[in-house]
Amino acid sequence: MTPETVLNVLQNALQIITILIAVILLPALFIGLLVSMFQAATSINEQTLSFIPKLLITILVLALAGPWMLSLVMNYTQQLFEEIPFLIG
């Protein structure tokens, strides 16, 4: 196993992790920005007002994108297992 193959496997893993994290975090960041703008405009400083919408949108995204995210990880794992003979020798 050469260093190039190890780096290639790690690069693919990091790309998948980045995609999975972005799918979860970007909607929560967007909702957090909208709620913060609303709080700044109305001078409401309630902590739960920013936490609850982000929690709800994260749960919604996980419910909607969860099967796709799981299939992405499963496909990568299956591809990795199929490439084991080529990676070893």
PDB file of N, CA and C in Angstrom:
ATOM      1  N   MET A   1       0.843  -1.165   0.000  1.00  0.00           N
ATOM      2  CA  MET A   1       0.000   0.000   0.000  1.00  0.00           C
ATOM      3  C   MET A   1       0.898   1.240   0.000  1.00  0.00           C
ATOM      4  N   THR A   2       0.771   2.024  -1.018  1.00  0.00           N
ATOM      5  CA  THR A   2       1.623   3.199  -1.156  1.00  0.00           C
ATOM      6  C   THR A   2       1.009   4.387  -0.430  1.00  0.00           C
ATOM      7  N   PRO A   3       1.816   5.374  -0.143  1.00  0.00           N
ATOM      8  CA  PRO A   3       1.277   6.576   0.511  1.00  0.00           C
ATOM      9  C   PRO A   3       0.207   7.282  -0.339  1.00  0.00           C
ATOM     10  N   GLU A   4       0.314   7.167  -1.650  1.00  0.00           N
ATOM     11  CA  GLU A   4      -0.675   7.804  -2.518  1.00  0.00           C
ATOM     12  C   GLU A   4      -2.056   7.177  -2.363  1.00  0.00           C
ATOM     13  N   THR A   5      -2.091   5.847  -2.225  1.00  0.00           N
ATOM     14  CA  THR A   5      -3.381   5.186  -2.062  1.00  0.00           C
ATOM     15  C   THR A   5      -4.003   5.520  -0.703  1.00  0.00           C
ATOM     16  N   VAL A   6      -3.167   5.605   0.324  1.00  0.00           N
ATOM     17  CA  VAL A   6      -3.675   5.981   1.648  1.00  0.00           C
ATOM     18  C   VAL A   6      -4.248   7.397   1.604  1.00  0.00           C
ATOM     19  N   LEU A   7      -3.524   8.304   0.972  1.00  0.00           N
ATOM     20  CA  LEU A   7      -4.002   9.682   0.859  1.00  0.00           C
ATOM     21  C   LEU A   7      -5.270   9.770   0.032  1.00  0.00           C
ATOM     22  N   ASN A   8      -5.372   8.948  -1.000  1.00  0.00           N
ATOM     23  CA  ASN A   8      -6.572   8.944  -1.826  1.00  0.00           C
ATOM     24  C   ASN A   8      -7.784   8.460  -1.033  1.00  0.00           C
ATOM     25  N   VAL A   9      -7.612   7.400  -0.253  1.00  0.00           N
ATOM     26  CA  VAL A   9      -8.700   6.880   0.578  1.00  0.00           C
ATOM     27  C   VAL A   9      -9.119   7.921   1.618  1.00  0.00           C
ATOM     28  N   LEU A  10      -8.138   8.548   2.268  1.00  0.00           N
ATOM     29  CA  LEU A  10      -8.445   9.570   3.259  1.00  0.00           C
ATOM     30  C   LEU A  10      -9.088  10.797   2.639  1.00  0.00           C
ATOM     31  N   GLN A  11      -8.668  11.162   1.447  1.00  0.00           N
ATOM     32  CA  GLN A  11      -9.256  12.309   0.764  1.00  0.00           C
ATOM     33  C   GLN A  11     -10.728  12.041   0.449  1.00  0.00           C
ATOM     34  N   ASN A  12     -11.021  10.847  -0.040  1.00  0.00           N
ATOM     35  CA  ASN A  12     -12.420  10.503  -0.329  1.00  0.00           C
ATOM     36  C   ASN A  12     -13.257  10.482   0.944  1.00  0.00           C
ATOM     37  N   ALA A  13     -12.697   9.972   2.031  1.00  0.00           N
ATOM     38  CA  ALA A  13     -13.420   9.948   3.303  1.00  0.00           C
ATOM     39  C   ALA A  13     -13.691  11.366   3.805  1.00  0.00           C
ATOM     40  N   LEU A  14     -12.709  12.241   3.700  1.00  0.00           N
ATOM     41  CA  LEU A  14     -12.902  13.625   4.132  1.00  0.00           C
ATOM     42  C   LEU A  14     -13.918  14.359   3.268  1.00  0.00           C
ATOM     43  N   GLN A  15     -13.955  14.058   1.977  1.00  0.00           N
ATOM     44  CA  GLN A  15     -14.958  14.679   1.114  1.00  0.00           C
ATOM     45  C   GLN A  15     -16.364  14.263   1.518  1.00  0.00           C
ATOM     46  N   ILE A  16     -16.546  12.993   1.819  1.00  0.00           N
ATOM     47  CA  ILE A  16     -17.870  12.510   2.224  1.00  0.00           C
ATOM     48  C   ILE A  16     -18.251  13.108   3.571  1.00  0.00           C
ATOM     49  N   ILE A  17     -17.302  13.182   4.501  1.00  0.00           N
ATOM     50  CA  ILE A  17     -17.587  13.783   5.805  1.00  0.00           C
ATOM     51  C   ILE A  17     -17.964  15.249   5.653  1.00  0.00           C
ATOM     52  N   THR A  18     -17.268  15.963   4.783  1.00  0.00           N
ATOM     53  CA  THR A  18     -17.574  17.376   4.555  1.00  0.00           C
ATOM     54  C   THR A  18     -18.973  17.545   3.985  1.00  0.00           C
ATOM     55  N   ILE A  19     -19.351  16.711   3.056  1.00  0.00           N
ATOM     56  CA  ILE A  19     -20.696  16.779   2.477  1.00  0.00           C
ATOM     57  C   ILE A  19     -21.748  16.504   3.540  1.00  0.00           C
ATOM     58  N   LEU A  20     -21.531  15.482   4.348  1.00  0.00           N
ATOM     59  CA  LEU A  20     -22.507  15.125   5.379  1.00  0.00           C
ATOM     60  C   LEU A  20     -22.648  16.232   6.418  1.00  0.00           C
ATOM     61  N   ILE A  21     -21.542  16.820   6.820  1.00  0.00           N
ATOM     62  CA  ILE A  21     -21.595  17.892   7.808  1.00  0.00           C
ATOM     63  C   ILE A  21     -22.259  19.131   7.228  1.00  0.00           C
ATOM     64  N   ALA A  22     -21.958  19.446   5.971  1.00  0.00           N
ATOM     65  CA  ALA A  22     -22.549  20.627   5.344  1.00  0.00           C
ATOM     66  C   ALA A  22     -24.059  20.495   5.215  1.00  0.00           C
ATOM     67  N   VAL A  23     -24.542  19.299   4.916  1.00  0.00           N
ATOM     68  CA  VAL A  23     -25.983  19.081   4.782  1.00  0.00           C
ATOM     69  C   VAL A  23     -26.690  19.358   6.103  1.00  0.00           C
ATOM     70  N   ILE A  24     -26.041  19.049   7.210  1.00  0.00           N
ATOM     71  CA  ILE A  24     -26.657  19.261   8.516  1.00  0.00           C
ATOM     72  C   ILE A  24     -26.472  20.700   8.996  1.00  0.00           C
ATOM     73  N   LEU A  25     -25.277  21.250   8.842  1.00  0.00           N
ATOM     74  CA  LEU A  25     -24.967  22.540   9.451  1.00  0.00           C
ATOM     75  C   LEU A  25     -25.468  23.760   8.678  1.00  0.00           C
ATOM     76  N   LEU A  26     -25.443  23.707   7.359  1.00  0.00           N
ATOM     77  CA  LEU A  26     -25.813  24.899   6.592  1.00  0.00           C
ATOM     78  C   LEU A  26     -27.251  25.356   6.836  1.00  0.00           C
ATOM     79  N   PRO A  27     -28.245  24.468   6.843  1.00  0.00           N
ATOM     80  CA  PRO A  27     -29.599  24.947   7.171  1.00  0.00           C
ATOM     81  C   PRO A  27     -29.699  25.508   8.592  1.00  0.00           C
ATOM     82  N   ALA A  28     -29.011  24.899   9.551  1.00  0.00           N
ATOM     83  CA  ALA A  28     -29.039  25.403  10.924  1.00  0.00           C
ATOM     84  C   ALA A  28     -28.379  26.776  11.016  1.00  0.00           C
ATOM     85  N   LEU A  29     -27.286  26.966  10.282  1.00  0.00           N
ATOM     86  CA  LEU A  29     -26.630  28.278  10.270  1.00  0.00           C
ATOM     87  C   LEU A  29     -27.523  29.346   9.633  1.00  0.00           C
ATOM     88  N   PHE A  30     -28.211  28.978   8.574  1.00  0.00           N
ATOM     89  CA  PHE A  30     -29.098  29.924   7.893  1.00  0.00           C
ATOM     90  C   PHE A  30     -30.262  30.321   8.802  1.00  0.00           C
ATOM     91  N   ILE A  31     -30.876  29.347   9.457  1.00  0.00           N
ATOM     92  CA  ILE A  31     -31.979  29.640  10.373  1.00  0.00           C
ATOM     93  C   ILE A  31     -31.477  30.471  11.554  1.00  0.00           C
ATOM     94  N   GLY A  32     -30.293  30.157  12.057  1.00  0.00           N
ATOM     95  CA  GLY A  32     -29.708  30.939  13.142  1.00  0.00           C
ATOM     96  C   GLY A  32     -29.481  32.387  12.736  1.00  0.00           C
ATOM     97  N   LEU A  33     -29.050  32.602  11.513  1.00  0.00           N
ATOM     98  CA  LEU A  33     -28.860  33.960  11.014  1.00  0.00           C
ATOM     99  C   LEU A  33     -30.188  34.704  10.921  1.00  0.00           C
ATOM    100  N   LEU A  34     -31.220  34.028  10.407  1.00  0.00           N
ATOM    101  CA  LEU A  34     -32.534  34.662  10.311  1.00  0.00           C
ATOM    102  C   LEU A  34     -33.091  35.009  11.683  1.00  0.00           C
ATOM    103  N   VAL A  35     -32.962  34.096  12.634  1.00  0.00           N
ATOM    104  CA  VAL A  35     -33.457  34.354  13.984  1.00  0.00           C
ATOM    105  C   VAL A  35     -32.664  35.483  14.639  1.00  0.00           C
ATOM    106  N   SER A  36     -31.364  35.519  14.429  1.00  0.00           N
ATOM    107  CA  SER A  36     -30.546  36.597  14.995  1.00  0.00           C
ATOM    108  C   SER A  36     -30.935  37.950  14.413  1.00  0.00           C
ATOM    109  N   MET A  37     -31.217  37.979  13.121  1.00  0.00           N
ATOM    110  CA  MET A  37     -31.670  39.237  12.511  1.00  0.00           C
ATOM    111  C   MET A  37     -33.013  39.653  13.090  1.00  0.00           C
ATOM    112  N   PHE A  38     -33.903  38.698  13.305  1.00  0.00           N
ATOM    113  CA  PHE A  38     -35.195  38.992  13.908  1.00  0.00           C
ATOM    114  C   PHE A  38     -35.029  39.507  15.335  1.00  0.00           C
ATOM    115  N   GLN A  39     -34.129  38.873  16.092  1.00  0.00           N
ATOM    116  CA  GLN A  39     -33.885  39.317  17.463  1.00  0.00           C
ATOM    117  C   GLN A  39     -33.267  40.713  17.495  1.00  0.00           C
ATOM    118  N   ALA A  40     -32.383  41.014  16.574  1.00  0.00           N
ATOM    119  CA  ALA A  40     -31.769  42.339  16.530  1.00  0.00           C
ATOM    120  C   ALA A  40     -32.796  43.401  16.145  1.00  0.00           C
ATOM    121  N   ALA A  41     -33.710  43.048  15.265  1.00  0.00           N
ATOM    122  CA  ALA A  41     -34.716  44.024  14.825  1.00  0.00           C
ATOM    123  C   ALA A  41     -35.758  44.297  15.908  1.00  0.00           C
ATOM    124  N   THR A  42     -36.055  43.287  16.713  1.00  0.00           N
ATOM    125  CA  THR A  42     -37.105  43.453  17.724  1.00  0.00           C
ATOM    126  C   THR A  42     -36.563  43.615  19.139  1.00  0.00           C
ATOM    127  N   SER A  43     -35.262  43.565  19.310  1.00  0.00           N
ATOM    128  CA  SER A  43     -34.597  43.680  20.614  1.00  0.00           C
ATOM    129  C   SER A  43     -35.066  42.613  21.602  1.00  0.00           C
ATOM    130  N   ILE A  44     -35.364  41.439  21.097  1.00  0.00           N
ATOM    131  CA  ILE A  44     -35.712  40.307  21.953  1.00  0.00           C
ATOM    132  C   ILE A  44     -34.436  39.513  22.204  1.00  0.00           C
ATOM    133  N   ASN A  45     -34.097  39.329  23.466  1.00  0.00           N
ATOM    134  CA  ASN A  45     -32.869  38.620  23.812  1.00  0.00           C
ATOM    135  C   ASN A  45     -33.185  37.321  24.547  1.00  0.00           C
ATOM    136  N   GLU A  46     -33.975  36.488  23.955  1.00  0.00           N
ATOM    137  CA  GLU A  46     -34.344  35.203  24.550  1.00  0.00           C
ATOM    138  C   GLU A  46     -33.452  34.111  23.973  1.00  0.00           C
ATOM    139  N   GLN A  47     -32.806  33.341  24.853  1.00  0.00           N
ATOM    140  CA  GLN A  47     -31.880  32.304  24.413  1.00  0.00           C
ATOM    141  C   GLN A  47     -32.593  31.183  23.662  1.00  0.00           C
ATOM    142  N   THR A  48     -33.768  30.780  24.145  1.00  0.00           N
ATOM    143  CA  THR A  48     -34.461  29.655  23.514  1.00  0.00           C
ATOM    144  C   THR A  48     -35.003  30.023  22.146  1.00  0.00           C
ATOM    145  N   LEU A  49     -35.180  31.299  21.886  1.00  0.00           N
ATOM    146  CA  LEU A  49     -35.691  31.711  20.575  1.00  0.00           C
ATOM    147  C   LEU A  49     -34.707  31.381  19.461  1.00  0.00           C
ATOM    148  N   SER A  50     -33.426  31.351  19.756  1.00  0.00           N
ATOM    149  CA  SER A  50     -32.451  30.978  18.727  1.00  0.00           C
ATOM    150  C   SER A  50     -32.159  29.474  18.741  1.00  0.00           C
ATOM    151  N   PHE A  51     -32.337  28.820  19.885  1.00  0.00           N
ATOM    152  CA  PHE A  51     -31.988  27.411  19.992  1.00  0.00           C
ATOM    153  C   PHE A  51     -33.060  26.504  19.397  1.00  0.00           C
ATOM    154  N   ILE A  52     -34.302  26.752  19.699  1.00  0.00           N
ATOM    155  CA  ILE A  52     -35.400  25.878  19.283  1.00  0.00           C
ATOM    156  C   ILE A  52     -35.525  25.794  17.757  1.00  0.00           C
ATOM    157  N   PRO A  53     -35.516  26.902  17.005  1.00  0.00           N
ATOM    158  CA  PRO A  53     -35.609  26.763  15.534  1.00  0.00           C
ATOM    159  C   PRO A  53     -34.436  25.999  14.928  1.00  0.00           C
ATOM    160  N   LYS A  54     -33.224  26.214  15.452  1.00  0.00           N
ATOM    161  CA  LYS A  54     -32.072  25.467  14.931  1.00  0.00           C
ATOM    162  C   LYS A  54     -32.203  23.980  15.232  1.00  0.00           C
ATOM    163  N   LEU A  55     -32.694  23.647  16.408  1.00  0.00           N
ATOM    164  CA  LEU A  55     -32.906  22.250  16.761  1.00  0.00           C
ATOM    165  C   LEU A  55     -33.960  21.620  15.860  1.00  0.00           C
ATOM    166  N   LEU A  56     -35.046  22.332  15.628  1.00  0.00           N
ATOM    167  CA  LEU A  56     -36.115  21.798  14.785  1.00  0.00           C
ATOM    168  C   LEU A  56     -35.671  21.616  13.343  1.00  0.00           C
ATOM    169  N   ILE A  57     -34.931  22.576  12.796  1.00  0.00           N
ATOM    170  CA  ILE A  57     -34.494  22.451  11.407  1.00  0.00           C
ATOM    171  C   ILE A  57     -33.455  21.343  11.275  1.00  0.00           C
ATOM    172  N   THR A  58     -32.633  21.144  12.294  1.00  0.00           N
ATOM    173  CA  THR A  58     -31.656  20.049  12.252  1.00  0.00           C
ATOM    174  C   THR A  58     -32.360  18.702  12.271  1.00  0.00           C
ATOM    175  N   ILE A  59     -33.379  18.564  13.113  1.00  0.00           N
ATOM    176  CA  ILE A  59     -34.152  17.318  13.152  1.00  0.00           C
ATOM    177  C   ILE A  59     -34.867  17.098  11.822  1.00  0.00           C
ATOM    178  N   LEU A  60     -35.433  18.149  11.254  1.00  0.00           N
ATOM    179  CA  LEU A  60     -36.121  18.040   9.965  1.00  0.00           C
ATOM    180  C   LEU A  60     -35.160  17.628   8.851  1.00  0.00           C
ATOM    181  N   VAL A  61     -33.990  18.233   8.819  1.00  0.00           N
ATOM    182  CA  VAL A  61     -32.988  17.892   7.797  1.00  0.00           C
ATOM    183  C   VAL A  61     -32.530  16.449   7.962  1.00  0.00           C
ATOM    184  N   LEU A  62     -32.316  16.025   9.205  1.00  0.00           N
ATOM    185  CA  LEU A  62     -31.910  14.642   9.430  1.00  0.00           C
ATOM    186  C   LEU A  62     -33.000  13.667   9.017  1.00  0.00           C
ATOM    187  N   ALA A  63     -34.256  14.042   9.242  1.00  0.00           N
ATOM    188  CA  ALA A  63     -35.352  13.155   8.843  1.00  0.00           C
ATOM    189  C   ALA A  63     -35.479  13.076   7.328  1.00  0.00           C
ATOM    190  N   LEU A  64     -35.287  14.202   6.650  1.00  0.00           N
ATOM    191  CA  LEU A  64     -35.438  14.220   5.190  1.00  0.00           C
ATOM    192  C   LEU A  64     -34.201  13.698   4.462  1.00  0.00           C
ATOM    193  N   ALA A  65     -33.016  14.080   4.920  1.00  0.00           N
ATOM    194  CA  ALA A  65     -31.793  13.709   4.221  1.00  0.00           C
ATOM    195  C   ALA A  65     -31.115  12.494   4.829  1.00  0.00           C
ATOM    196  N   GLY A  66     -31.643  11.970   5.915  1.00  0.00           N
ATOM    197  CA  GLY A  66     -31.024  10.828   6.584  1.00  0.00           C
ATOM    198  C   GLY A  66     -30.836   9.613   5.697  1.00  0.00           C
ATOM    199  N   PRO A  67     -31.881   9.188   4.964  1.00  0.00           N
ATOM    200  CA  PRO A  67     -31.684   8.026   4.082  1.00  0.00           C
ATOM    201  C   PRO A  67     -30.621   8.254   3.009  1.00  0.00           C
ATOM    202  N   TRP A  68     -30.588   9.456   2.458  1.00  0.00           N
ATOM    203  CA  TRP A  68     -29.577   9.765   1.449  1.00  0.00           C
ATOM    204  C   TRP A  68     -28.180   9.748   2.070  1.00  0.00           C
ATOM    205  N   MET A  69     -28.047  10.312   3.272  1.00  0.00           N
ATOM    206  CA  MET A  69     -26.760  10.336   3.948  1.00  0.00           C
ATOM    207  C   MET A  69     -26.298   8.922   4.286  1.00  0.00           C
ATOM    208  N   LEU A  70     -27.219   8.097   4.740  1.00  0.00           N
ATOM    209  CA  LEU A  70     -26.882   6.715   5.058  1.00  0.00           C
ATOM    210  C   LEU A  70     -26.455   5.949   3.812  1.00  0.00           C
ATOM    211  N   SER A  71     -27.160   6.161   2.699  1.00  0.00           N
ATOM    212  CA  SER A  71     -26.773   5.465   1.464  1.00  0.00           C
ATOM    213  C   SER A  71     -25.406   5.936   0.970  1.00  0.00           C
ATOM    214  N   LEU A  72     -25.094   7.214   1.168  1.00  0.00           N
ATOM    215  CA  LEU A  72     -23.785   7.740   0.776  1.00  0.00           C
ATOM    216  C   LEU A  72     -22.672   7.061   1.569  1.00  0.00           C
ATOM    217  N   VAL A  73     -22.858   6.928   2.865  1.00  0.00           N
ATOM    218  CA  VAL A  73     -21.847   6.276   3.707  1.00  0.00           C
ATOM    219  C   VAL A  73     -21.758   4.791   3.380  1.00  0.00           C
ATOM    220  N   MET A  74     -22.907   4.151   3.164  1.00  0.00           N
ATOM    221  CA  MET A  74     -22.896   2.720   2.845  1.00  0.00           C
ATOM    222  C   MET A  74     -22.232   2.453   1.502  1.00  0.00           C
ATOM    223  N   ASN A  75     -22.493   3.307   0.500  1.00  0.00           N
ATOM    224  CA  ASN A  75     -21.850   3.135  -0.805  1.00  0.00           C
ATOM    225  C   ASN A  75     -20.337   3.302  -0.705  1.00  0.00           C
ATOM    226  N   TYR A  76     -19.892   4.283   0.079  1.00  0.00           N
ATOM    227  CA  TYR A  76     -18.455   4.483   0.248  1.00  0.00           C
ATOM    228  C   TYR A  76     -17.820   3.289   0.953  1.00  0.00           C
ATOM    229  N   THR A  77     -18.486   2.795   1.994  1.00  0.00           N
ATOM    230  CA  THR A  77     -17.956   1.645   2.723  1.00  0.00           C
ATOM    231  C   THR A  77     -17.901   0.405   1.839  1.00  0.00           C
ATOM    232  N   GLN A  78     -18.957   0.196   1.055  1.00  0.00           N
ATOM    233  CA  GLN A  78     -18.975  -0.950   0.151  1.00  0.00           C
ATOM    234  C   GLN A  78     -17.874  -0.822  -0.898  1.00  0.00           C
ATOM    235  N   GLN A  79     -17.695   0.367  -1.441  1.00  0.00           N
ATOM    236  CA  GLN A  79     -16.634   0.597  -2.421  1.00  0.00           C
ATOM    237  C   GLN A  79     -15.266   0.345  -1.800  1.00  0.00           C
ATOM    238  N   LEU A  80     -15.099   0.770  -0.556  1.00  0.00           N
ATOM    239  CA  LEU A  80     -13.829   0.574   0.128  1.00  0.00           C
ATOM    240  C   LEU A  80     -13.549  -0.904   0.356  1.00  0.00           C
ATOM    241  N   PHE A  81     -14.578  -1.670   0.753  1.00  0.00           N
ATOM    242  CA  PHE A  81     -14.393  -3.104   0.943  1.00  0.00           C
ATOM    243  C   PHE A  81     -14.089  -3.812  -0.372  1.00  0.00           C
ATOM    244  N   GLU A  82     -14.707  -3.360  -1.472  1.00  0.00           N
ATOM    245  CA  GLU A  82     -14.441  -3.978  -2.765  1.00  0.00           C
ATOM    246  C   GLU A  82     -13.032  -3.674  -3.261  1.00  0.00           C
ATOM    247  N   GLU A  83     -12.457  -2.557  -2.836  1.00  0.00           N
ATOM    248  CA  GLU A  83     -11.119  -2.176  -3.278  1.00  0.00           C
ATOM    249  C   GLU A  83     -10.011  -2.731  -2.397  1.00  0.00           C
ATOM    250  N   ILE A  84     -10.355  -3.460  -1.341  1.00  0.00           N
ATOM    251  CA  ILE A  84      -9.317  -3.985  -0.439  1.00  0.00           C
ATOM    252  C   ILE A  84      -8.278  -4.823  -1.163  1.00  0.00           C
ATOM    253  N   PRO A  85      -8.656  -5.753  -2.050  1.00  0.00           N
ATOM    254  CA  PRO A  85      -7.603  -6.522  -2.743  1.00  0.00           C
ATOM    255  C   PRO A  85      -6.662  -5.662  -3.572  1.00  0.00           C
ATOM    256  N   PHE A  86      -7.203  -4.603  -4.183  1.00  0.00           N
ATOM    257  CA  PHE A  86      -6.356  -3.733  -5.003  1.00  0.00           C
ATOM    258  C   PHE A  86      -5.497  -2.805  -4.134  1.00  0.00           C
ATOM    259  N   LEU A  87      -6.002  -2.461  -2.961  1.00  0.00           N
ATOM    260  CA  LEU A  87      -5.233  -1.591  -2.062  1.00  0.00           C
ATOM    261  C   LEU A  87      -4.079  -2.323  -1.414  1.00  0.00           C
ATOM    262  N   ILE A  88      -4.278  -3.609  -1.136  1.00  0.00           N
ATOM    263  CA  ILE A  88      -3.241  -4.384  -0.459  1.00  0.00           C
ATOM    264  C   ILE A  88      -2.087  -4.718  -1.414  1.00  0.00           C
ATOM    265  N   GLY A  89      -2.454  -5.169  -2.583  1.00  0.00           N
ATOM    266  CA  GLY A  89      -1.350  -5.636  -3.402  1.00  0.00           C
ATOM    267  C   GLY A  89      -1.484  -5.272  -4.815  1.00  0.00           C
TER     268      GLY A  89
END
